[in-house]
Amino acid sequence: MGVITAMATNLTDFAVQSWPQGVALLSALVLCSLIGLEREWRNKNAGLRTNTLVGLGSALFMLVGKYGFGDVIVDGLIMLDPSRVAGQIVSGIGFIGAGLIFVRRDMVRGLTTAAAVWVSCAVGMACGAGLWLLGLWVTVAYFIVVLGYPPLLRLLTRSQPAMSLFRVTYDDGRGILRSILAQATQYGFTVHNVATQRQITRDGRAVVDVDLVLAGKTPTRDLATGLSETDGVHRVRVLRPDEAD
């Protein structure tokens, strides 16, 4: 009887569903939306909606773990461990992260986006736990890492050969790949990786897409111009480092 009375009292008691919990959810919504906007701006698979929902859901899970089971405690007979909810959130978010990481042509992509979703989860959990200031600090640190580190890395490695990713489409069966590799060497690039994929176009023509990971100090536009003028080459793209991530 005491348990039933406690449950009924808790269901009508809105003290655990008031503005502090609303602030926690709102802070998770705002901070994780900022992370999602950065991913959306870079045209990533997990953008604004994904990161926002992950953070908001994580915050709600934390609030449920902290306040949602008070109705089953009677005279201290039942002990609860809210940290178990946090552990399950961390385990569950791995499924979303794993779905964002994929391997294509021997190149791993999506790691940064998966890490962003993971950070959104952590920020949401912090906000749900009432540690919204820590969530704010981590959000600021996130933007420092994703926006500030690439220029800093380029500055620190300016004296070293820069890594570049070229994607070239050319006619199959004409030995064009040898010419492409020879040109890359002539322009001072070192070939680190070559991955090819053969496909048939709509007009029935066989073409090959090759991804070249090159290192060199020569401007990439010079090599791209030279490759585009090669007989049999249809398309040359120089991808940004974050496109290969």
C-alpha atoms as a PDB file:
ATOM      1  CA  MET A   1       0.000   0.000   0.000  1.00  0.00           C
ATOM      2  CA  GLY A   2       2.879   2.310   0.822  1.00  0.00           C
ATOM      3  CA  VAL A   3       4.448   1.714  -2.602  1.00  0.00           C
ATOM      4  CA  ILE A   4       1.174   2.451  -4.429  1.00  0.00           C
ATOM      5  CA  THR A   5       0.700   5.656  -2.436  1.00  0.00           C
ATOM      6  CA  ALA A   6       4.277   6.756  -3.174  1.00  0.00           C
ATOM      7  CA  MET A   7       3.827   6.093  -6.891  1.00  0.00           C
ATOM      8  CA  ALA A   8       0.574   8.057  -7.051  1.00  0.00           C
ATOM      9  CA  THR A   9       2.175  10.948  -5.182  1.00  0.00           C
ATOM     10  CA  ASN A  10       5.168  11.005  -7.517  1.00  0.00           C
ATOM     11  CA  LEU A  11       3.057  10.964 -10.670  1.00  0.00           C
ATOM     12  CA  THR A  12       1.210  14.092  -9.576  1.00  0.00           C
ATOM     13  CA  ASP A  13       4.305  15.811  -8.147  1.00  0.00           C
ATOM     14  CA  PHE A  14       5.686  18.156 -10.784  1.00  0.00           C
ATOM     15  CA  ALA A  15       8.590  19.264  -8.605  1.00  0.00           C
ATOM     16  CA  VAL A  16      10.854  16.818 -10.451  1.00  0.00           C
ATOM     17  CA  GLN A  17       9.538  18.053 -13.809  1.00  0.00           C
ATOM     18  CA  SER A  18      10.079  21.770 -13.388  1.00  0.00           C
ATOM     19  CA  TRP A  19      12.409  24.452 -14.772  1.00  0.00           C
ATOM     20  CA  PRO A  20      15.781  22.882 -13.746  1.00  0.00           C
ATOM     21  CA  GLN A  21      15.038  19.881 -15.959  1.00  0.00           C
ATOM     22  CA  GLY A  22      13.736  22.188 -18.664  1.00  0.00           C
ATOM     23  CA  VAL A  23      16.986  24.174 -18.568  1.00  0.00           C
ATOM     24  CA  ALA A  24      18.958  20.920 -18.869  1.00  0.00           C
ATOM     25  CA  LEU A  25      17.018  19.868 -21.966  1.00  0.00           C
ATOM     26  CA  LEU A  26      17.203  23.354 -23.482  1.00  0.00           C
ATOM     27  CA  SER A  27      20.965  23.581 -22.961  1.00  0.00           C
ATOM     28  CA  ALA A  28      21.405  20.165 -24.597  1.00  0.00           C
ATOM     29  CA  LEU A  29      19.236  21.313 -27.503  1.00  0.00           C
ATOM     30  CA  VAL A  30      21.228  24.511 -28.067  1.00  0.00           C
ATOM     31  CA  LEU A  31      24.744  23.128 -27.606  1.00  0.00           C
ATOM     32  CA  CYS A  32      24.223  19.965 -29.667  1.00  0.00           C
ATOM     33  CA  SER A  33      22.531  22.031 -32.380  1.00  0.00           C
ATOM     34  CA  LEU A  34      25.714  24.092 -32.652  1.00  0.00           C
ATOM     35  CA  ILE A  35      27.752  20.910 -33.151  1.00  0.00           C
ATOM     36  CA  GLY A  36      25.222  19.673 -35.692  1.00  0.00           C
ATOM     37  CA  LEU A  37      25.325  22.955 -37.603  1.00  0.00           C
ATOM     38  CA  GLU A  38      29.083  22.595 -38.077  1.00  0.00           C
ATOM     39  CA  ARG A  39      28.621  19.077 -39.485  1.00  0.00           C
ATOM     40  CA  GLU A  40      25.713  20.269 -41.666  1.00  0.00           C
ATOM     41  CA  TRP A  41      27.833  23.126 -43.014  1.00  0.00           C
ATOM     42  CA  ARG A  42      30.432  20.555 -44.099  1.00  0.00           C
ATOM     43  CA  ASN A  43      27.739  18.413 -45.781  1.00  0.00           C
ATOM     44  CA  LYS A  44      28.268  15.378 -43.548  1.00  0.00           C
ATOM     45  CA  ASN A  45      25.836  12.482 -43.188  1.00  0.00           C
ATOM     46  CA  ALA A  46      25.155  13.141 -39.498  1.00  0.00           C
ATOM     47  CA  GLY A  47      24.291  16.815 -39.473  1.00  0.00           C
ATOM     48  CA  LEU A  48      22.017  19.160 -37.554  1.00  0.00           C
ATOM     49  CA  ARG A  49      19.090  16.822 -36.872  1.00  0.00           C
ATOM     50  CA  THR A  50      21.171  13.768 -35.964  1.00  0.00           C
ATOM     51  CA  ASN A  51      23.468  15.532 -33.498  1.00  0.00           C
ATOM     52  CA  THR A  52      20.610  17.497 -31.943  1.00  0.00           C
ATOM     53  CA  LEU A  53      18.442  14.425 -31.420  1.00  0.00           C
ATOM     54  CA  VAL A  54      21.363  12.419 -30.037  1.00  0.00           C
ATOM     55  CA  GLY A  55      22.190  15.123 -27.495  1.00  0.00           C
ATOM     56  CA  LEU A  56      18.555  15.760 -26.567  1.00  0.00           C
ATOM     57  CA  GLY A  57      17.849  12.054 -26.124  1.00  0.00           C
ATOM     58  CA  SER A  58      20.984  11.596 -24.028  1.00  0.00           C
ATOM     59  CA  ALA A  59      19.942  14.475 -21.783  1.00  0.00           C
ATOM     60  CA  LEU A  60      16.497  12.948 -21.304  1.00  0.00           C
ATOM     61  CA  PHE A  61      17.997   9.555 -20.471  1.00  0.00           C
ATOM     62  CA  MET A  62      20.139  11.201 -17.807  1.00  0.00           C
ATOM     63  CA  LEU A  63      17.155  13.023 -16.336  1.00  0.00           C
ATOM     64  CA  VAL A  64      15.149   9.817 -16.252  1.00  0.00           C
ATOM     65  CA  GLY A  65      18.051   8.087 -14.502  1.00  0.00           C
ATOM     66  CA  LYS A  66      18.260  10.868 -11.898  1.00  0.00           C
ATOM     67  CA  TYR A  67      14.586  11.582 -11.242  1.00  0.00           C
ATOM     68  CA  GLY A  68      12.445   8.923 -12.896  1.00  0.00           C
ATOM     69  CA  PHE A  69      12.609   6.197 -10.270  1.00  0.00           C
ATOM     70  CA  GLY A  70      11.907   8.085  -7.073  1.00  0.00           C
ATOM     71  CA  ASP A  71       8.436   6.551  -6.869  1.00  0.00           C
ATOM     72  CA  VAL A  72       9.796   3.063  -6.196  1.00  0.00           C
ATOM     73  CA  ILE A  73      11.852   4.113  -3.180  1.00  0.00           C
ATOM     74  CA  VAL A  74       9.976   3.591   0.083  1.00  0.00           C
ATOM     75  CA  ASP A  75      11.730   4.219   3.399  1.00  0.00           C
ATOM     76  CA  GLY A  76      15.104   3.697   1.716  1.00  0.00           C
ATOM     77  CA  LEU A  77      14.434   0.006   1.041  1.00  0.00           C
ATOM     78  CA  ILE A  78      15.489   0.208  -2.651  1.00  0.00           C
ATOM     79  CA  MET A  79      18.853   1.551  -3.744  1.00  0.00           C
ATOM     80  CA  LEU A  80      19.242   3.006  -7.236  1.00  0.00           C
ATOM     81  CA  ASP A  81      22.391   3.664  -9.271  1.00  0.00           C
ATOM     82  CA  PRO A  82      21.756   6.427 -11.847  1.00  0.00           C
ATOM     83  CA  SER A  83      25.250   5.941 -13.280  1.00  0.00           C
ATOM     84  CA  ARG A  84      24.067   2.669 -14.845  1.00  0.00           C
ATOM     85  CA  VAL A  85      21.861   4.692 -17.199  1.00  0.00           C
ATOM     86  CA  ALA A  86      24.883   6.756 -18.269  1.00  0.00           C
ATOM     87  CA  GLY A  87      26.850   3.588 -18.988  1.00  0.00           C
ATOM     88  CA  GLN A  88      24.066   2.230 -21.201  1.00  0.00           C
ATOM     89  CA  ILE A  89      23.943   5.507 -23.157  1.00  0.00           C
ATOM     90  CA  VAL A  90      27.671   5.314 -23.893  1.00  0.00           C
ATOM     91  CA  SER A  91      27.295   1.718 -25.072  1.00  0.00           C
ATOM     92  CA  GLY A  92      24.240   2.444 -27.207  1.00  0.00           C
ATOM     93  CA  ILE A  93      25.716   5.448 -29.007  1.00  0.00           C
ATOM     94  CA  GLY A  94      28.396   3.145 -30.413  1.00  0.00           C
ATOM     95  CA  PHE A  95      25.834   1.684 -32.826  1.00  0.00           C
ATOM     96  CA  ILE A  96      25.216   5.086 -34.394  1.00  0.00           C
ATOM     97  CA  GLY A  97      28.932   5.836 -34.564  1.00  0.00           C
ATOM     98  CA  ALA A  98      29.686   2.491 -36.188  1.00  0.00           C
ATOM     99  CA  GLY A  99      27.045   3.156 -38.829  1.00  0.00           C
ATOM    100  CA  LEU A 100      28.750   6.410 -39.820  1.00  0.00           C
ATOM    101  CA  ILE A 101      32.181   4.870 -40.368  1.00  0.00           C
ATOM    102  CA  PHE A 102      32.738   3.037 -43.626  1.00  0.00           C
ATOM    103  CA  VAL A 103      35.609   1.876 -45.780  1.00  0.00           C
ATOM    104  CA  ARG A 104      35.675   2.677 -49.475  1.00  0.00           C
ATOM    105  CA  ARG A 105      38.548   1.850 -51.758  1.00  0.00           C
ATOM    106  CA  ASP A 106      40.812   1.049 -48.810  1.00  0.00           C
ATOM    107  CA  MET A 107      40.117   4.457 -47.250  1.00  0.00           C
ATOM    108  CA  VAL A 108      38.375   4.920 -43.901  1.00  0.00           C
ATOM    109  CA  ARG A 109      35.829   7.733 -43.802  1.00  0.00           C
ATOM    110  CA  GLY A 110      33.383   9.145 -41.300  1.00  0.00           C
ATOM    111  CA  LEU A 111      35.632   9.042 -38.225  1.00  0.00           C
ATOM    112  CA  THR A 112      35.307  12.745 -37.476  1.00  0.00           C
ATOM    113  CA  THR A 113      31.530  12.685 -37.928  1.00  0.00           C
ATOM    114  CA  ALA A 114      31.232   9.644 -35.655  1.00  0.00           C
ATOM    115  CA  ALA A 115      33.368  11.422 -33.053  1.00  0.00           C
ATOM    116  CA  ALA A 116      31.118  14.503 -33.343  1.00  0.00           C
ATOM    117  CA  VAL A 117      28.047  12.366 -32.606  1.00  0.00           C
ATOM    118  CA  TRP A 118      29.886  10.853 -29.649  1.00  0.00           C
ATOM    119  CA  VAL A 119      30.702  14.342 -28.317  1.00  0.00           C
ATOM    120  CA  SER A 120      27.049  15.386 -28.809  1.00  0.00           C
ATOM    121  CA  CYS A 121      26.047  12.417 -26.682  1.00  0.00           C
ATOM    122  CA  ALA A 122      28.508  13.447 -23.962  1.00  0.00           C
ATOM    123  CA  VAL A 123      27.322  17.069 -24.038  1.00  0.00           C
ATOM    124  CA  GLY A 124      23.714  15.937 -23.787  1.00  0.00           C
ATOM    125  CA  MET A 125      24.541  13.665 -20.850  1.00  0.00           C
ATOM    126  CA  ALA A 126      26.353  16.510 -19.080  1.00  0.00           C
ATOM    127  CA  CYS A 127      23.390  18.840 -19.557  1.00  0.00           C
ATOM    128  CA  GLY A 128      20.976  16.154 -18.380  1.00  0.00           C
ATOM    129  CA  ALA A 129      23.078  15.623 -15.269  1.00  0.00           C
ATOM    130  CA  GLY A 130      22.893  19.347 -14.500  1.00  0.00           C
ATOM    131  CA  LEU A 131      26.497  19.998 -15.563  1.00  0.00           C
ATOM    132  CA  TRP A 132      25.526  22.332 -18.386  1.00  0.00           C
ATOM    133  CA  LEU A 133      28.583  24.535 -17.812  1.00  0.00           C
ATOM    134  CA  LEU A 134      30.847  21.562 -18.509  1.00  0.00           C
ATOM    135  CA  GLY A 135      28.763  20.858 -21.602  1.00  0.00           C
ATOM    136  CA  LEU A 136      29.321  24.450 -22.735  1.00  0.00           C
ATOM    137  CA  TRP A 137      33.072  24.141 -22.249  1.00  0.00           C
ATOM    138  CA  VAL A 138      33.194  20.909 -24.238  1.00  0.00           C
ATOM    139  CA  THR A 139      31.168  22.511 -27.035  1.00  0.00           C
ATOM    140  CA  VAL A 140      33.657  25.382 -27.217  1.00  0.00           C
ATOM    141  CA  ALA A 141      36.516  22.870 -27.186  1.00  0.00           C
ATOM    142  CA  TYR A 142      34.842  20.975 -30.035  1.00  0.00           C
ATOM    143  CA  PHE A 143      34.877  24.043 -32.283  1.00  0.00           C
ATOM    144  CA  ILE A 144      38.480  24.763 -31.329  1.00  0.00           C
ATOM    145  CA  VAL A 145      39.442  21.250 -32.434  1.00  0.00           C
ATOM    146  CA  VAL A 146      37.498  21.040 -35.700  1.00  0.00           C
ATOM    147  CA  LEU A 147      38.046  24.637 -36.843  1.00  0.00           C
ATOM    148  CA  GLY A 148      41.293  25.670 -35.192  1.00  0.00           C
ATOM    149  CA  TYR A 149      43.394  22.528 -35.410  1.00  0.00           C
ATOM    150  CA  PRO A 150      43.504  22.130 -39.241  1.00  0.00           C
ATOM    151  CA  PRO A 151      45.169  25.567 -39.821  1.00  0.00           C
ATOM    152  CA  LEU A 152      47.487  24.936 -36.883  1.00  0.00           C
ATOM    153  CA  LEU A 153      48.411  21.529 -38.267  1.00  0.00           C
ATOM    154  CA  ARG A 154      49.121  23.020 -41.694  1.00  0.00           C
ATOM    155  CA  LEU A 155      51.343  25.642 -40.037  1.00  0.00           C
ATOM    156  CA  LEU A 156      53.289  23.055 -38.042  1.00  0.00           C
ATOM    157  CA  THR A 157      53.751  20.762 -41.028  1.00  0.00           C
ATOM    158  CA  ARG A 158      54.404  23.509 -43.588  1.00  0.00           C
ATOM    159  CA  SER A 159      57.977  22.335 -44.085  1.00  0.00           C
ATOM    160  CA  GLN A 160      56.828  18.760 -44.645  1.00  0.00           C
ATOM    161  CA  PRO A 161      55.284  17.391 -47.850  1.00  0.00           C
ATOM    162  CA  ALA A 162      51.520  17.900 -47.765  1.00  0.00           C
ATOM    163  CA  MET A 163      49.202  14.933 -48.228  1.00  0.00           C
ATOM    164  CA  SER A 164      46.673  15.283 -51.037  1.00  0.00           C
ATOM    165  CA  LEU A 165      43.898  13.082 -52.368  1.00  0.00           C
ATOM    166  CA  PHE A 166      43.295  13.046 -56.123  1.00  0.00           C
ATOM    167  CA  ARG A 167      40.359  11.296 -57.774  1.00  0.00           C
ATOM    168  CA  VAL A 168      40.855  10.753 -61.501  1.00  0.00           C
ATOM    169  CA  THR A 169      38.417   9.180 -63.960  1.00  0.00           C
ATOM    170  CA  TYR A 170      39.894   7.792 -67.178  1.00  0.00           C
ATOM    171  CA  ASP A 171      39.200   5.305 -70.010  1.00  0.00           C
ATOM    172  CA  ASP A 172      39.914   1.691 -69.195  1.00  0.00           C
ATOM    173  CA  GLY A 173      42.275  -0.485 -71.235  1.00  0.00           C
ATOM    174  CA  ARG A 174      44.572   2.244 -72.566  1.00  0.00           C
ATOM    175  CA  GLY A 175      47.366   2.187 -70.011  1.00  0.00           C
ATOM    176  CA  ILE A 176      46.489   5.664 -68.775  1.00  0.00           C
ATOM    177  CA  LEU A 177      47.235   4.869 -65.136  1.00  0.00           C
ATOM    178  CA  ARG A 178      50.941   4.575 -65.948  1.00  0.00           C
ATOM    179  CA  SER A 179      50.857   8.057 -67.467  1.00  0.00           C
ATOM    180  CA  ILE A 180      49.045   9.438 -64.411  1.00  0.00           C
ATOM    181  CA  LEU A 181      51.606   7.990 -62.006  1.00  0.00           C
ATOM    182  CA  ALA A 182      54.465   9.203 -64.187  1.00  0.00           C
ATOM    183  CA  GLN A 183      53.077  12.740 -64.199  1.00  0.00           C
ATOM    184  CA  ALA A 184      52.639  12.716 -60.430  1.00  0.00           C
ATOM    185  CA  THR A 185      56.305  11.765 -60.059  1.00  0.00           C
ATOM    186  CA  GLN A 186      57.395  14.426 -62.533  1.00  0.00           C
ATOM    187  CA  TYR A 187      55.585  17.096 -60.524  1.00  0.00           C
ATOM    188  CA  GLY A 188      57.502  16.062 -57.406  1.00  0.00           C
ATOM    189  CA  PHE A 189      54.813  14.000 -55.685  1.00  0.00           C
ATOM    190  CA  THR A 190      55.348  10.706 -53.896  1.00  0.00           C
ATOM    191  CA  VAL A 191      52.613   8.117 -54.349  1.00  0.00           C
ATOM    192  CA  HIS A 192      51.455   6.670 -51.009  1.00  0.00           C
ATOM    193  CA  ASN A 193      48.343   4.779 -52.039  1.00  0.00           C
ATOM    194  CA  VAL A 194      46.485   3.829 -55.218  1.00  0.00           C
ATOM    195  CA  ALA A 195      42.925   2.465 -55.224  1.00  0.00           C
ATOM    196  CA  THR A 196      41.002   1.794 -58.439  1.00  0.00           C
ATOM    197  CA  GLN A 197      37.424   0.866 -59.256  1.00  0.00           C
ATOM    198  CA  ARG A 198      36.166  -0.060 -62.723  1.00  0.00           C
ATOM    199  CA  GLN A 199      32.641   0.854 -63.798  1.00  0.00           C
ATOM    200  CA  ILE A 200      30.462   1.055 -66.896  1.00  0.00           C
ATOM    201  CA  THR A 201      28.948   4.400 -67.878  1.00  0.00           C
ATOM    202  CA  ARG A 202      25.421   4.867 -69.182  1.00  0.00           C
ATOM    203  CA  ASP A 203      26.663   4.912 -72.751  1.00  0.00           C
ATOM    204  CA  GLY A 204      28.371   1.528 -72.256  1.00  0.00           C
ATOM    205  CA  ARG A 205      31.914   2.851 -71.941  1.00  0.00           C
ATOM    206  CA  ALA A 206      34.322   1.274 -69.433  1.00  0.00           C
ATOM    207  CA  VAL A 207      36.032   3.800 -67.171  1.00  0.00           C
ATOM    208  CA  VAL A 208      38.175   3.597 -64.071  1.00  0.00           C
ATOM    209  CA  ASP A 209      38.051   5.787 -60.973  1.00  0.00           C
ATOM    210  CA  VAL A 210      41.406   5.953 -59.208  1.00  0.00           C
ATOM    211  CA  ASP A 211      42.077   7.529 -55.828  1.00  0.00           C
ATOM    212  CA  LEU A 212      45.675   8.667 -55.397  1.00  0.00           C
ATOM    213  CA  VAL A 213      47.110   9.633 -52.017  1.00  0.00           C
ATOM    214  CA  LEU A 214      50.110  11.818 -52.845  1.00  0.00           C
ATOM    215  CA  ALA A 215      52.657  13.748 -50.808  1.00  0.00           C
ATOM    216  CA  GLY A 216      54.510  16.744 -52.202  1.00  0.00           C
ATOM    217  CA  LYS A 217      55.185  20.462 -51.960  1.00  0.00           C
ATOM    218  CA  THR A 218      54.025  21.335 -55.483  1.00  0.00           C
ATOM    219  CA  PRO A 219      50.629  23.116 -55.651  1.00  0.00           C
ATOM    220  CA  THR A 220      47.944  20.522 -56.312  1.00  0.00           C
ATOM    221  CA  ARG A 221      46.319  22.675 -58.984  1.00  0.00           C
ATOM    222  CA  ASP A 222      49.426  22.316 -61.167  1.00  0.00           C
ATOM    223  CA  LEU A 223      49.217  18.533 -61.148  1.00  0.00           C
ATOM    224  CA  ALA A 224      45.428  18.636 -61.572  1.00  0.00           C
ATOM    225  CA  THR A 225      45.844  20.805 -64.672  1.00  0.00           C
ATOM    226  CA  GLY A 226      48.444  18.466 -66.108  1.00  0.00           C
ATOM    227  CA  LEU A 227      46.331  15.378 -65.475  1.00  0.00           C
ATOM    228  CA  SER A 228      43.204  16.941 -66.977  1.00  0.00           C
ATOM    229  CA  GLU A 229      45.108  17.537 -70.231  1.00  0.00           C
ATOM    230  CA  THR A 230      46.081  13.847 -70.500  1.00  0.00           C
ATOM    231  CA  ASP A 231      44.402  12.022 -73.366  1.00  0.00           C
ATOM    232  CA  GLY A 232      41.710   9.689 -72.042  1.00  0.00           C
ATOM    233  CA  VAL A 233      41.259  11.441 -68.685  1.00  0.00           C
ATOM    234  CA  HIS A 234      37.681  12.630 -68.181  1.00  0.00           C
ATOM    235  CA  ARG A 235      37.702  14.141 -64.729  1.00  0.00           C
ATOM    236  CA  VAL A 236      40.186  15.222 -62.044  1.00  0.00           C
ATOM    237  CA  ARG A 237      39.192  16.173 -58.515  1.00  0.00           C
ATOM    238  CA  VAL A 238      41.372  17.301 -55.631  1.00  0.00           C
ATOM    239  CA  LEU A 239      39.552  16.382 -52.442  1.00  0.00           C
ATOM    240  CA  ARG A 240      39.929  18.222 -49.161  1.00  0.00           C
ATOM    241  CA  PRO A 241      41.409  16.267 -46.240  1.00  0.00           C
ATOM    242  CA  ASP A 242      38.070  16.317 -44.385  1.00  0.00           C
ATOM    243  CA  GLU A 243      36.366  14.740 -47.419  1.00  0.00           C
ATOM    244  CA  ALA A 244      38.585  11.719 -47.012  1.00  0.00           C
ATOM    245  CA  ASP A 245      37.940  11.561 -43.252  1.00  0.00           C
END
